[in-house]
């Protein structure tokens, strides 16, 4: 269940459980935005309005950790700002560094 994976990701910071949750979220279509520090996924049943080789734009859902729920929003996602899925065993250190940085607040 996606909500459980999001809980595990945020509850088990700097732990292998966080890395496994991140990997499973990725498999379910969620992507971690490395600049905004949020998880995003395409809105179910909706395809991007615009798409290039570098970015896509459309309706997405993102997980807002402050209110602990998924929220719809219009985004232009630059692919270079989205985390890549990596092997947990081979990349544990780099994933921990990526996912444990402080959350940027507005």
PDB file of N, CA and C in Angstrom:
ATOM      1  N   UNK A   1       0.841  -1.176   0.000  1.00  0.00           N
ATOM      2  CA  UNK A   1       0.000   0.000   0.000  1.00  0.00           C
ATOM      3  C   UNK A   1       0.889   1.242   0.000  1.00  0.00           C
ATOM      4  N   UNK A   2       0.594   2.191  -0.860  1.00  0.00           N
ATOM      5  CA  UNK A   2       1.437   3.368  -1.038  1.00  0.00           C
ATOM      6  C   UNK A   2       1.551   4.190   0.242  1.00  0.00           C
ATOM      7  N   UNK A   3       0.451   4.364   0.960  1.00  0.00           N
ATOM      8  CA  UNK A   3       0.503   5.162   2.194  1.00  0.00           C
ATOM      9  C   UNK A   3       1.451   4.538   3.219  1.00  0.00           C
ATOM     10  N   UNK A   4       1.448   3.229   3.306  1.00  0.00           N
ATOM     11  CA  UNK A   4       2.352   2.542   4.223  1.00  0.00           C
ATOM     12  C   UNK A   4       3.809   2.757   3.799  1.00  0.00           C
ATOM     13  N   UNK A   5       4.079   2.678   2.500  1.00  0.00           N
ATOM     14  CA  UNK A   5       5.443   2.901   2.021  1.00  0.00           C
ATOM     15  C   UNK A   5       5.911   4.319   2.311  1.00  0.00           C
ATOM     16  N   UNK A   6       5.028   5.290   2.145  1.00  0.00           N
ATOM     17  CA  UNK A   6       5.395   6.673   2.466  1.00  0.00           C
ATOM     18  C   UNK A   6       5.675   6.816   3.962  1.00  0.00           C
ATOM     19  N   UNK A   7       4.853   6.171   4.780  1.00  0.00           N
ATOM     20  CA  UNK A   7       5.098   6.193   6.222  1.00  0.00           C
ATOM     21  C   UNK A   7       6.464   5.589   6.546  1.00  0.00           C
ATOM     22  N   UNK A   8       6.754   4.425   5.972  1.00  0.00           N
ATOM     23  CA  UNK A   8       8.036   3.769   6.233  1.00  0.00           C
ATOM     24  C   UNK A   8       9.205   4.631   5.781  1.00  0.00           C
ATOM     25  N   UNK A   9       9.048   5.287   4.635  1.00  0.00           N
ATOM     26  CA  UNK A   9      10.112   6.142   4.121  1.00  0.00           C
ATOM     27  C   UNK A   9      10.445   7.258   5.109  1.00  0.00           C
ATOM     28  N   UNK A  10       9.419   7.919   5.643  1.00  0.00           N
ATOM     29  CA  UNK A  10       9.654   9.051   6.534  1.00  0.00           C
ATOM     30  C   UNK A  10       9.898   8.645   7.991  1.00  0.00           C
ATOM     31  N   UNK A  11       9.433   7.478   8.398  1.00  0.00           N
ATOM     32  CA  UNK A  11       9.599   7.051   9.787  1.00  0.00           C
ATOM     33  C   UNK A  11      10.947   6.392  10.053  1.00  0.00           C
ATOM     34  N   UNK A  12      11.544   5.782   9.045  1.00  0.00           N
ATOM     35  CA  UNK A  12      12.788   5.029   9.225  1.00  0.00           C
ATOM     36  C   UNK A  12      13.946   5.740   8.531  1.00  0.00           C
ATOM     37  N   UNK A  13      14.198   6.969   8.924  1.00  0.00           N
ATOM     38  CA  UNK A  13      15.263   7.755   8.312  1.00  0.00           C
ATOM     39  C   UNK A  13      16.619   7.098   8.542  1.00  0.00           C
ATOM     40  N   UNK A  14      17.441   7.162   7.512  1.00  0.00           N
ATOM     41  CA  UNK A  14      18.804   6.622   7.556  1.00  0.00           C
ATOM     42  C   UNK A  14      18.836   5.138   7.920  1.00  0.00           C
ATOM     43  N   UNK A  15      17.848   4.400   7.428  1.00  0.00           N
ATOM     44  CA  UNK A  15      17.743   2.970   7.697  1.00  0.00           C
ATOM     45  C   UNK A  15      17.492   2.249   6.375  1.00  0.00           C
ATOM     46  N   UNK A  16      17.854   0.997   6.312  1.00  0.00           N
ATOM     47  CA  UNK A  16      17.612   0.210   5.105  1.00  0.00           C
ATOM     48  C   UNK A  16      16.122   0.152   4.779  1.00  0.00           C
ATOM     49  N   UNK A  17      15.268   0.204   5.802  1.00  0.00           N
ATOM     50  CA  UNK A  17      13.810   0.205   5.568  1.00  0.00           C
ATOM     51  C   UNK A  17      13.413   1.393   4.698  1.00  0.00           C
ATOM     52  N   UNK A  18      14.027   2.539   4.939  1.00  0.00           N
ATOM     53  CA  UNK A  18      13.747   3.721   4.125  1.00  0.00           C
ATOM     54  C   UNK A  18      14.136   3.473   2.668  1.00  0.00           C
ATOM     55  N   UNK A  19      15.256   2.819   2.472  1.00  0.00           N
ATOM     56  CA  UNK A  19      15.726   2.552   1.116  1.00  0.00           C
ATOM     57  C   UNK A  19      14.820   1.556   0.391  1.00  0.00           C
ATOM     58  N   UNK A  20      14.363   0.546   1.106  1.00  0.00           N
ATOM     59  CA  UNK A  20      13.440  -0.432   0.511  1.00  0.00           C
ATOM     60  C   UNK A  20      12.125   0.254   0.160  1.00  0.00           C
ATOM     61  N   UNK A  21      11.619   1.088   1.071  1.00  0.00           N
ATOM     62  CA  UNK A  21      10.375   1.826   0.794  1.00  0.00           C
ATOM     63  C   UNK A  21      10.543   2.705  -0.440  1.00  0.00           C
ATOM     64  N   UNK A  22      11.677   3.382  -0.561  1.00  0.00           N
ATOM     65  CA  UNK A  22      11.938   4.226  -1.731  1.00  0.00           C
ATOM     66  C   UNK A  22      11.935   3.404  -3.011  1.00  0.00           C
ATOM     67  N   UNK A  23      12.555   2.250  -2.968  1.00  0.00           N
ATOM     68  CA  UNK A  23      12.602   1.378  -4.137  1.00  0.00           C
ATOM     69  C   UNK A  23      11.203   0.913  -4.541  1.00  0.00           C
ATOM     70  N   UNK A  24      10.392   0.540  -3.553  1.00  0.00           N
ATOM     71  CA  UNK A  24       9.023   0.080  -3.844  1.00  0.00           C
ATOM     72  C   UNK A  24       8.129   1.217  -4.319  1.00  0.00           C
ATOM     73  N   UNK A  25       8.327   2.418  -3.780  1.00  0.00           N
ATOM     74  CA  UNK A  25       7.574   3.575  -4.285  1.00  0.00           C
ATOM     75  C   UNK A  25       7.917   3.829  -5.750  1.00  0.00           C
ATOM     76  N   UNK A  26       9.193   3.720  -6.077  1.00  0.00           N
ATOM     77  CA  UNK A  26       9.630   3.910  -7.458  1.00  0.00           C
ATOM     78  C   UNK A  26       8.940   2.903  -8.375  1.00  0.00           C
ATOM     79  N   UNK A  27       8.861   1.661  -7.945  1.00  0.00           N
ATOM     80  CA  UNK A  27       8.209   0.628  -8.748  1.00  0.00           C
ATOM     81  C   UNK A  27       6.721   0.908  -8.952  1.00  0.00           C
ATOM     82  N   UNK A  28       6.107   1.667  -8.045  1.00  0.00           N
ATOM     83  CA  UNK A  28       4.688   2.011  -8.146  1.00  0.00           C
ATOM     84  C   UNK A  28       4.453   3.315  -8.899  1.00  0.00           C
ATOM     85  N   UNK A  29       5.514   3.858  -9.498  1.00  0.00           N
ATOM     86  CA  UNK A  29       5.355   5.058 -10.315  1.00  0.00           C
ATOM     87  C   UNK A  29       5.640   6.365  -9.604  1.00  0.00           C
ATOM     88  N   UNK A  30       6.071   6.293  -8.367  1.00  0.00           N
ATOM     89  CA  UNK A  30       6.413   7.504  -7.630  1.00  0.00           C
ATOM     90  C   UNK A  30       7.869   7.867  -7.908  1.00  0.00           C
ATOM     91  N   UNK A  31       8.150   9.174  -7.934  1.00  0.00           N
ATOM     92  CA  UNK A  31       9.511   9.670  -8.146  1.00  0.00           C
ATOM     93  C   UNK A  31       9.837  10.684  -7.059  1.00  0.00           C
ATOM     94  N   UNK A  32      11.083  10.650  -6.594  1.00  0.00           N
ATOM     95  CA  UNK A  32      11.520  11.594  -5.567  1.00  0.00           C
ATOM     96  C   UNK A  32      12.168  12.787  -6.239  1.00  0.00           C
ATOM     97  N   UNK A  33      11.635  13.979  -5.954  1.00  0.00           N
ATOM     98  CA  UNK A  33      12.168  15.215  -6.516  1.00  0.00           C
ATOM     99  C   UNK A  33      13.329  15.668  -5.635  1.00  0.00           C
ATOM    100  N   UNK A  34      14.535  15.652  -6.192  1.00  0.00           N
ATOM    101  CA  UNK A  34      15.737  15.892  -5.396  1.00  0.00           C
ATOM    102  C   UNK A  34      15.914  17.355  -5.003  1.00  0.00           C
ATOM    103  N   UNK A  35      15.230  18.274  -5.659  1.00  0.00           N
ATOM    104  CA  UNK A  35      15.330  19.692  -5.309  1.00  0.00           C
ATOM    105  C   UNK A  35      14.257  20.061  -4.279  1.00  0.00           C
ATOM    106  N   UNK A  36      13.010  19.692  -4.567  1.00  0.00           N
ATOM    107  CA  UNK A  36      11.902  20.035  -3.670  1.00  0.00           C
ATOM    108  C   UNK A  36      11.737  19.056  -2.509  1.00  0.00           C
ATOM    109  N   UNK A  37      12.429  17.911  -2.578  1.00  0.00           N
ATOM    110  CA  UNK A  37      12.405  16.894  -1.516  1.00  0.00           C
ATOM    111  C   UNK A  37      11.003  16.364  -1.246  1.00  0.00           C
ATOM    112  N   UNK A  38      10.289  16.036  -2.316  1.00  0.00           N
ATOM    113  CA  UNK A  38       8.950  15.460  -2.187  1.00  0.00           C
ATOM    114  C   UNK A  38       8.809  14.270  -3.130  1.00  0.00           C
ATOM    115  N   UNK A  39       7.904  13.375  -2.780  1.00  0.00           N
ATOM    116  CA  UNK A  39       7.532  12.270  -3.656  1.00  0.00           C
ATOM    117  C   UNK A  39       6.384  12.713  -4.546  1.00  0.00           C
ATOM    118  N   UNK A  40       6.481  12.408  -5.851  1.00  0.00           N
ATOM    119  CA  UNK A  40       5.456  12.763  -6.823  1.00  0.00           C
ATOM    120  C   UNK A  40       5.089  11.559  -7.668  1.00  0.00           C
ATOM    121  N   UNK A  41       3.853  11.552  -8.143  1.00  0.00           N
ATOM    122  CA  UNK A  41       3.409  10.525  -9.095  1.00  0.00           C
ATOM    123  C   UNK A  41       2.375  11.155 -10.012  1.00  0.00           C
ATOM    124  N   UNK A  42       2.283  10.635 -11.212  1.00  0.00           N
ATOM    125  CA  UNK A  42       1.227  11.107 -12.110  1.00  0.00           C
ATOM    126  C   UNK A  42      -0.132  10.845 -11.478  1.00  0.00           C
ATOM    127  N   UNK A  43      -1.060  11.762 -11.713  1.00  0.00           N
ATOM    128  CA  UNK A  43      -2.416  11.557 -11.234  1.00  0.00           C
ATOM    129  C   UNK A  43      -2.981  10.338 -11.962  1.00  0.00           C
ATOM    130  N   UNK A  44      -3.628   9.426 -11.249  1.00  0.00           N
ATOM    131  CA  UNK A  44      -4.129   8.199 -11.886  1.00  0.00           C
ATOM    132  C   UNK A  44      -5.034   8.485 -13.089  1.00  0.00           C
ATOM    133  N   UNK A  45      -4.710   7.849 -14.204  1.00  0.00           N
ATOM    134  CA  UNK A  45      -5.507   7.976 -15.419  1.00  0.00           C
ATOM    135  C   UNK A  45      -5.249   9.223 -16.239  1.00  0.00           C
ATOM    136  N   UNK A  46      -4.291  10.046 -15.816  1.00  0.00           N
ATOM    137  CA  UNK A  46      -4.000  11.305 -16.513  1.00  0.00           C
ATOM    138  C   UNK A  46      -2.582  11.233 -17.082  1.00  0.00           C
ATOM    139  N   UNK A  47      -2.445  11.565 -18.352  1.00  0.00           N
ATOM    140  CA  UNK A  47      -1.124  11.609 -18.974  1.00  0.00           C
ATOM    141  C   UNK A  47      -0.635  13.058 -18.999  1.00  0.00           C
ATOM    142  N   UNK A  48       0.675  13.266 -19.092  1.00  0.00           N
ATOM    143  CA  UNK A  48       1.201  14.639 -19.125  1.00  0.00           C
ATOM    144  C   UNK A  48       0.621  15.435 -20.296  1.00  0.00           C
ATOM    145  N   UNK A  49       0.346  16.714 -20.041  1.00  0.00           N
ATOM    146  CA  UNK A  49      -0.158  17.612 -21.092  1.00  0.00           C
ATOM    147  C   UNK A  49       0.925  17.900 -22.125  1.00  0.00           C
ATOM    148  N   UNK A  50       2.140  18.120 -21.645  1.00  0.00           N
ATOM    149  CA  UNK A  50       3.283  18.411 -22.507  1.00  0.00           C
ATOM    150  C   UNK A  50       4.429  17.519 -22.065  1.00  0.00           C
ATOM    151  N   UNK A  51       5.243  17.106 -23.050  1.00  0.00           N
ATOM    152  CA  UNK A  51       6.360  16.226 -22.733  1.00  0.00           C
ATOM    153  C   UNK A  51       7.470  16.437 -23.758  1.00  0.00           C
ATOM    154  N   UNK A  52       8.706  16.584 -23.252  1.00  0.00           N
ATOM    155  CA  UNK A  52       9.882  16.667 -24.117  1.00  0.00           C
ATOM    156  C   UNK A  52      10.875  15.612 -23.630  1.00  0.00           C
ATOM    157  N   UNK A  53      12.053  15.605 -24.203  1.00  0.00           N
ATOM    158  CA  UNK A  53      13.072  14.662 -23.746  1.00  0.00           C
ATOM    159  C   UNK A  53      13.656  15.078 -22.400  1.00  0.00           C
ATOM    160  N   UNK A  54      13.450  16.356 -22.001  1.00  0.00           N
ATOM    161  CA  UNK A  54      14.028  16.872 -20.761  1.00  0.00           C
ATOM    162  C   UNK A  54      13.027  17.031 -19.616  1.00  0.00           C
ATOM    163  N   UNK A  55      11.741  17.180 -19.933  1.00  0.00           N
ATOM    164  CA  UNK A  55      10.750  17.432 -18.899  1.00  0.00           C
ATOM    165  C   UNK A  55       9.355  17.002 -19.364  1.00  0.00           C
ATOM    166  N   UNK A  56       8.448  16.936 -18.391  1.00  0.00           N
ATOM    167  CA  UNK A  56       7.037  16.735 -18.690  1.00  0.00           C
ATOM    168  C   UNK A  56       6.225  17.610 -17.753  1.00  0.00           C
ATOM    169  N   UNK A  57       5.029  17.965 -18.210  1.00  0.00           N
ATOM    170  CA  UNK A  57       4.189  18.884 -17.446  1.00  0.00           C
ATOM    171  C   UNK A  57       2.764  18.357 -17.424  1.00  0.00           C
ATOM    172  N   UNK A  58       2.142  18.423 -16.249  1.00  0.00           N
ATOM    173  CA  UNK A  58       0.770  17.963 -16.149  1.00  0.00           C
ATOM    174  C   UNK A  58       0.319  17.874 -14.700  1.00  0.00           C
ATOM    175  N   UNK A  59      -0.768  17.131 -14.508  1.00  0.00           N
ATOM    176  CA  UNK A  59      -1.353  16.949 -13.192  1.00  0.00           C
ATOM    177  C   UNK A  59      -0.699  15.762 -12.496  1.00  0.00           C
ATOM    178  N   UNK A  60      -0.189  16.017 -11.315  1.00  0.00           N
ATOM    179  CA  UNK A  60       0.488  15.009 -10.518  1.00  0.00           C
ATOM    180  C   UNK A  60      -0.074  15.046  -9.104  1.00  0.00           C
ATOM    181  N   UNK A  61       0.263  14.052  -8.342  1.00  0.00           N
ATOM    182  CA  UNK A  61      -0.004  14.083  -6.915  1.00  0.00           C
ATOM    183  C   UNK A  61       1.348  14.092  -6.218  1.00  0.00           C
ATOM    184  N   UNK A  62       1.423  14.830  -5.138  1.00  0.00           N
ATOM    185  CA  UNK A  62       2.645  14.805  -4.343  1.00  0.00           C
ATOM    186  C   UNK A  62       2.268  14.551  -2.898  1.00  0.00           C
ATOM    187  N   UNK A  63       3.191  13.969  -2.176  1.00  0.00           N
ATOM    188  CA  UNK A  63       2.928  13.677  -0.779  1.00  0.00           C
ATOM    189  C   UNK A  63       3.458  14.817   0.062  1.00  0.00           C
ATOM    190  N   UNK A  64       2.548  15.490   0.775  1.00  0.00           N
ATOM    191  CA  UNK A  64       2.909  16.598   1.648  1.00  0.00           C
ATOM    192  C   UNK A  64       3.074  16.056   3.056  1.00  0.00           C
ATOM    193  N   UNK A  65       4.308  15.993   3.506  1.00  0.00           N
ATOM    194  CA  UNK A  65       4.599  15.412   4.817  1.00  0.00           C
ATOM    195  C   UNK A  65       4.054  16.287   5.947  1.00  0.00           C
ATOM    196  N   UNK A  66       3.843  17.580   5.718  1.00  0.00           N
ATOM    197  CA  UNK A  66       3.337  18.476   6.760  1.00  0.00           C
ATOM    198  C   UNK A  66       1.883  18.175   7.124  1.00  0.00           C
ATOM    199  N   UNK A  67       1.075  17.825   6.127  1.00  0.00           N
ATOM    200  CA  UNK A  67      -0.340  17.497   6.398  1.00  0.00           C
ATOM    201  C   UNK A  67      -0.595  15.997   6.264  1.00  0.00           C
ATOM    202  N   UNK A  68       0.437  15.270   5.910  1.00  0.00           N
ATOM    203  CA  UNK A  68       0.444  13.819   5.805  1.00  0.00           C
ATOM    204  C   UNK A  68      -0.656  13.303   4.881  1.00  0.00           C
ATOM    205  N   UNK A  69      -0.650  13.830   3.652  1.00  0.00           N
ATOM    206  CA  UNK A  69      -1.589  13.337   2.652  1.00  0.00           C
ATOM    207  C   UNK A  69      -1.092  13.664   1.252  1.00  0.00           C
ATOM    208  N   UNK A  70      -1.708  12.989   0.293  1.00  0.00           N
ATOM    209  CA  UNK A  70      -1.401  13.232  -1.120  1.00  0.00           C
ATOM    210  C   UNK A  70      -2.230  14.420  -1.602  1.00  0.00           C
ATOM    211  N   UNK A  71      -1.592  15.296  -2.352  1.00  0.00           N
ATOM    212  CA  UNK A  71      -2.247  16.516  -2.819  1.00  0.00           C
ATOM    213  C   UNK A  71      -2.034  16.639  -4.324  1.00  0.00           C
ATOM    214  N   UNK A  72      -3.108  16.952  -5.073  1.00  0.00           N
ATOM    215  CA  UNK A  72      -2.934  17.166  -6.514  1.00  0.00           C
ATOM    216  C   UNK A  72      -2.254  18.498  -6.786  1.00  0.00           C
ATOM    217  N   UNK A  73      -1.488  18.540  -7.860  1.00  0.00           N
ATOM    218  CA  UNK A  73      -0.828  19.776  -8.246  1.00  0.00           C
ATOM    219  C   UNK A  73      -0.343  19.717  -9.682  1.00  0.00           C
ATOM    220  N   UNK A  74      -0.197  20.882 -10.285  1.00  0.00           N
ATOM    221  CA  UNK A  74       0.301  21.011 -11.657  1.00  0.00           C
ATOM    222  C   UNK A  74       1.801  21.243 -11.588  1.00  0.00           C
ATOM    223  N   UNK A  75       2.569  20.399 -12.257  1.00  0.00           N
ATOM    224  CA  UNK A  75       4.024  20.477 -12.176  1.00  0.00           C
ATOM    225  C   UNK A  75       4.655  20.381 -13.555  1.00  0.00           C
ATOM    226  N   UNK A  76       5.819  21.004 -13.683  1.00  0.00           N
ATOM    227  CA  UNK A  76       6.730  20.731 -14.791  1.00  0.00           C
ATOM    228  C   UNK A  76       7.921  20.028 -14.148  1.00  0.00           C
ATOM    229  N   UNK A  77       8.070  18.767 -14.478  1.00  0.00           N
ATOM    230  CA  UNK A  77       9.121  17.958 -13.877  1.00  0.00           C
ATOM    231  C   UNK A  77      10.303  17.835 -14.820  1.00  0.00           C
ATOM    232  N   UNK A  78      11.433  18.373 -14.396  1.00  0.00           N
ATOM    233  CA  UNK A  78      12.675  18.199 -15.137  1.00  0.00           C
ATOM    234  C   UNK A  78      13.253  16.855 -14.734  1.00  0.00           C
ATOM    235  N   UNK A  79      13.475  15.994 -15.698  1.00  0.00           N
ATOM    236  CA  UNK A  79      13.924  14.636 -15.405  1.00  0.00           C
ATOM    237  C   UNK A  79      15.228  14.597 -14.614  1.00  0.00           C
ATOM    238  N   UNK A  80      16.115  15.563 -14.835  1.00  0.00           N
ATOM    239  CA  UNK A  80      17.397  15.563 -14.112  1.00  0.00           C
ATOM    240  C   UNK A  80      17.208  15.834 -12.628  1.00  0.00           C
ATOM    241  N   UNK A  81      16.050  16.348 -12.218  1.00  0.00           N
ATOM    242  CA  UNK A  81      15.786  16.634 -10.810  1.00  0.00           C
ATOM    243  C   UNK A  81      15.067  15.487 -10.109  1.00  0.00           C
ATOM    244  N   UNK A  82      14.833  14.386 -10.819  1.00  0.00           N
ATOM    245  CA  UNK A  82      14.166  13.227 -10.231  1.00  0.00           C
ATOM    246  C   UNK A  82      15.193  12.151  -9.928  1.00  0.00           C
ATOM    247  N   UNK A  83      15.091  11.573  -8.738  1.00  0.00           N
ATOM    248  CA  UNK A  83      16.038  10.536  -8.331  1.00  0.00           C
ATOM    249  C   UNK A  83      15.880   9.308  -9.218  1.00  0.00           C
ATOM    250  N   UNK A  84      16.986   8.665  -9.474  1.00  0.00           N
ATOM    251  CA  UNK A  84      17.009   7.414 -10.225  1.00  0.00           C
ATOM    252  C   UNK A  84      16.804   6.248  -9.270  1.00  0.00           C
ATOM    253  N   UNK A  85      16.216   5.177  -9.766  1.00  0.00           N
ATOM    254  CA  UNK A  85      16.143   3.965  -8.956  1.00  0.00           C
ATOM    255  C   UNK A  85      17.501   3.287  -9.017  1.00  0.00           C
ATOM    256  N   UNK A  86      17.997   2.903  -7.866  1.00  0.00           N
ATOM    257  CA  UNK A  86      19.290   2.239  -7.812  1.00  0.00           C
ATOM    258  C   UNK A  86      19.173   0.962  -6.995  1.00  0.00           C
ATOM    259  N   UNK A  87      20.143   0.121  -7.144  1.00  0.00           N
ATOM    260  CA  UNK A  87      20.196  -1.111  -6.372  1.00  0.00           C
ATOM    261  C   UNK A  87      20.456  -0.769  -4.911  1.00  0.00           C
ATOM    262  N   UNK A  88      19.668  -1.301  -4.021  1.00  0.00           N
ATOM    263  CA  UNK A  88      19.800  -0.990  -2.602  1.00  0.00           C
ATOM    264  C   UNK A  88      21.159  -1.432  -2.070  1.00  0.00           C
ATOM    265  N   UNK A  89      21.582  -2.613  -2.406  1.00  0.00           N
ATOM    266  CA  UNK A  89      22.851  -3.113  -1.877  1.00  0.00           C
ATOM    267  C   UNK A  89      24.040  -2.326  -2.402  1.00  0.00           C
ATOM    268  N   UNK A  90      23.995  -1.952  -3.669  1.00  0.00           N
ATOM    269  CA  UNK A  90      25.136  -1.269  -4.270  1.00  0.00           C
ATOM    270  C   UNK A  90      25.160   0.221  -3.961  1.00  0.00           C
ATOM    271  N   UNK A  91      23.994   0.810  -3.743  1.00  0.00           N
ATOM    272  CA  UNK A  91      23.932   2.259  -3.622  1.00  0.00           C
ATOM    273  C   UNK A  91      23.397   2.749  -2.282  1.00  0.00           C
ATOM    274  N   UNK A  92      23.429   1.936  -1.271  1.00  0.00           N
ATOM    275  CA  UNK A  92      22.851   2.326   0.020  1.00  0.00           C
ATOM    276  C   UNK A  92      23.417   3.655   0.524  1.00  0.00           C
ATOM    277  N   UNK A  93      24.694   3.852   0.443  1.00  0.00           N
ATOM    278  CA  UNK A  93      25.302   5.080   0.957  1.00  0.00           C
ATOM    279  C   UNK A  93      24.826   6.310   0.180  1.00  0.00           C
ATOM    280  N   UNK A  94      24.789   6.220  -1.138  1.00  0.00           N
ATOM    281  CA  UNK A  94      24.371   7.393  -1.915  1.00  0.00           C
ATOM    282  C   UNK A  94      22.886   7.682  -1.726  1.00  0.00           C
ATOM    283  N   UNK A  95      22.064   6.649  -1.588  1.00  0.00           N
ATOM    284  CA  UNK A  95      20.643   6.874  -1.331  1.00  0.00           C
ATOM    285  C   UNK A  95      20.432   7.511   0.033  1.00  0.00           C
ATOM    286  N   UNK A  96      21.168   7.050   1.020  1.00  0.00           N
ATOM    287  CA  UNK A  96      21.032   7.654   2.343  1.00  0.00           C
ATOM    288  C   UNK A  96      21.385   9.127   2.285  1.00  0.00           C
ATOM    289  N   UNK A  97      22.416   9.471   1.567  1.00  0.00           N
ATOM    290  CA  UNK A  97      22.799  10.873   1.436  1.00  0.00           C
ATOM    291  C   UNK A  97      21.713  11.669   0.719  1.00  0.00           C
ATOM    292  N   UNK A  98      21.110  11.103  -0.308  1.00  0.00           N
ATOM    293  CA  UNK A  98      20.079  11.781  -1.079  1.00  0.00           C
ATOM    294  C   UNK A  98      18.816  11.996  -0.269  1.00  0.00           C
ATOM    295  N   UNK A  99      18.334  10.951   0.369  1.00  0.00           N
ATOM    296  CA  UNK A  99      17.031  11.006   1.026  1.00  0.00           C
ATOM    297  C   UNK A  99      17.070  11.549   2.440  1.00  0.00           C
ATOM    298  N   UNK A 100      18.206  11.791   3.014  1.00  0.00           N
ATOM    299  CA  UNK A 100      18.257  12.247   4.390  1.00  0.00           C
ATOM    300  C   UNK A 100      18.668  13.716   4.504  1.00  0.00           C
ATOM    301  N   UNK A 101      18.721  14.406   3.408  1.00  0.00           N
ATOM    302  CA  UNK A 101      19.012  15.846   3.474  1.00  0.00           C
ATOM    303  C   UNK A 101      17.788  16.564   4.055  1.00  0.00           C
ATOM    304  N   UNK A 102      17.988  17.718   4.664  1.00  0.00           N
ATOM    305  CA  UNK A 102      16.850  18.452   5.246  1.00  0.00           C
ATOM    306  C   UNK A 102      15.809  18.811   4.204  1.00  0.00           C
ATOM    307  N   UNK A 103      14.559  18.821   4.630  1.00  0.00           N
ATOM    308  CA  UNK A 103      13.443  19.190   3.754  1.00  0.00           C
ATOM    309  C   UNK A 103      13.454  20.706   3.581  1.00  0.00           C
ATOM    310  N   UNK A 104      13.319  21.145   2.347  1.00  0.00           N
ATOM    311  CA  UNK A 104      13.267  22.578   2.052  1.00  0.00           C
ATOM    312  C   UNK A 104      11.876  23.102   2.357  1.00  0.00           C
ATOM    313  N   UNK A 105      11.778  24.181   3.087  1.00  0.00           N
ATOM    314  CA  UNK A 105      10.480  24.770   3.405  1.00  0.00           C
ATOM    315  C   UNK A 105      10.310  26.067   2.643  1.00  0.00           C
ATOM    316  N   UNK A 106       9.062  26.379   2.374  1.00  0.00           N
ATOM    317  CA  UNK A 106       8.778  27.601   1.615  1.00  0.00           C
ATOM    318  C   UNK A 106       8.821  28.829   2.484  1.00  0.00           C
TER     319      UNK A 106
END
